[in-house]
Protein backbone atom coordinates (compact mmCIF):
# COMPACT_ATOMS: atom_id res chain seq x y z
CA MET A 1 0.00 0.01 0.01
CA PRO A 2 1.39 3.45 -0.85
CA LYS A 3 2.55 5.53 2.08
CA THR A 4 0.40 8.48 0.96
CA ASN A 5 -2.87 6.59 1.64
CA HIS A 6 -1.99 4.95 4.96
CA ILE A 7 -4.99 6.62 6.66
CA LEU A 8 -7.61 5.29 4.26
CA PHE A 9 -6.87 1.49 4.08
CA LEU A 10 -9.35 0.94 1.23
CA PRO A 11 -8.05 -0.69 -1.96
CA GLY A 12 -8.74 1.35 -5.06
CA PHE A 13 -9.37 4.64 -3.24
CA SER A 14 -6.98 7.54 -2.85
CA ILE A 15 -7.09 10.78 -0.86
CA LYS A 16 -6.95 13.84 -3.11
CA LYS A 17 -7.30 16.87 -0.82
CA THR A 18 -8.38 18.24 2.53
CA ILE A 19 -11.70 20.04 2.10
CA GLN A 20 -12.38 21.33 5.62
CA ALA A 21 -10.39 21.53 8.87
CA MET A 22 -13.09 21.51 11.57
CA PRO A 23 -14.51 18.87 11.37
CA LEU A 24 -11.80 17.30 9.25
CA VAL A 25 -13.18 16.44 5.79
CA MET A 26 -10.91 14.79 3.23
CA GLY A 27 -11.79 14.25 -0.41
CA ALA A 28 -11.17 10.80 -1.84
CA THR A 29 -11.78 9.22 -5.25
CA TYR A 30 -11.96 5.71 -6.65
CA THR A 31 -8.99 5.13 -8.94
CA LYS A 32 -9.87 1.76 -10.53
CA ASN A 33 -12.27 1.29 -13.43
CA PRO A 34 -15.63 0.06 -12.07
CA ASP A 35 -17.51 -2.91 -13.53
CA CYS A 36 -21.24 -3.25 -14.05
CA PRO A 37 -22.60 -5.26 -11.07
CA PHE A 38 -25.04 -7.13 -13.34
CA CYS A 39 -23.10 -8.00 -16.52
CA GLN A 40 -19.47 -7.19 -15.48
CA ASN A 41 -19.09 -4.93 -18.53
CA LYS A 42 -16.24 -2.40 -18.45
CA LYS A 43 -17.98 0.21 -20.67
CA LEU A 44 -19.96 2.43 -18.29
CA ARG A 45 -21.23 5.97 -18.62
CA ILE A 46 -21.72 8.56 -15.90
CA LYS A 47 -25.31 9.76 -15.69
CA ASP A 48 -24.96 11.77 -12.49
CA THR A 49 -22.22 12.89 -10.09
CA PHE A 50 -22.82 12.81 -6.34
CA TYR A 51 -20.85 12.67 -3.12
CA ARG A 52 -20.99 10.21 -0.27
CA GLN A 53 -19.66 11.28 3.11
CA VAL A 54 -18.64 8.64 5.66
CA ARG A 55 -17.48 9.00 9.22
CA HIS A 56 -13.90 7.96 9.95
CA GLU A 57 -11.98 7.56 13.19
CA SER A 58 -11.50 10.76 15.15
CA ILE A 59 -8.07 12.38 15.00
CA GLY A 60 -7.49 13.68 18.49
CA LEU A 61 -10.72 15.43 19.46
CA ARG A 62 -11.65 16.30 15.86
CA ARG A 63 -14.28 14.33 14.02
CA ALA A 64 -13.05 13.05 10.66
CA TYR A 65 -15.00 12.34 7.48
CA PHE A 66 -14.19 11.11 4.01
CA ARG A 67 -16.10 12.57 1.08
CA PHE A 68 -16.05 10.13 -1.83
CA SER A 69 -16.80 11.24 -5.35
CA ASP A 70 -17.16 9.14 -8.48
CA SER A 71 -15.40 11.67 -10.71
CA LYS A 72 -11.62 11.86 -11.03
CA GLU A 73 -10.95 15.45 -9.96
């Protein structure tokens, strides 16, 4: 695992930037090419872009979140 993503521990995801300091919000993206869950086809199109925000372990007394996006910013 690369040393730059030692906080995340999720294969295929990488941290891109810090969005907010209090609470700590870090932006992450999925770096692998996704497959269709039904037919396993590699050719997919993006119909909409949205964010998912998940709670992560607190760093000190600060709450920490990861904001995942499906676009490669």
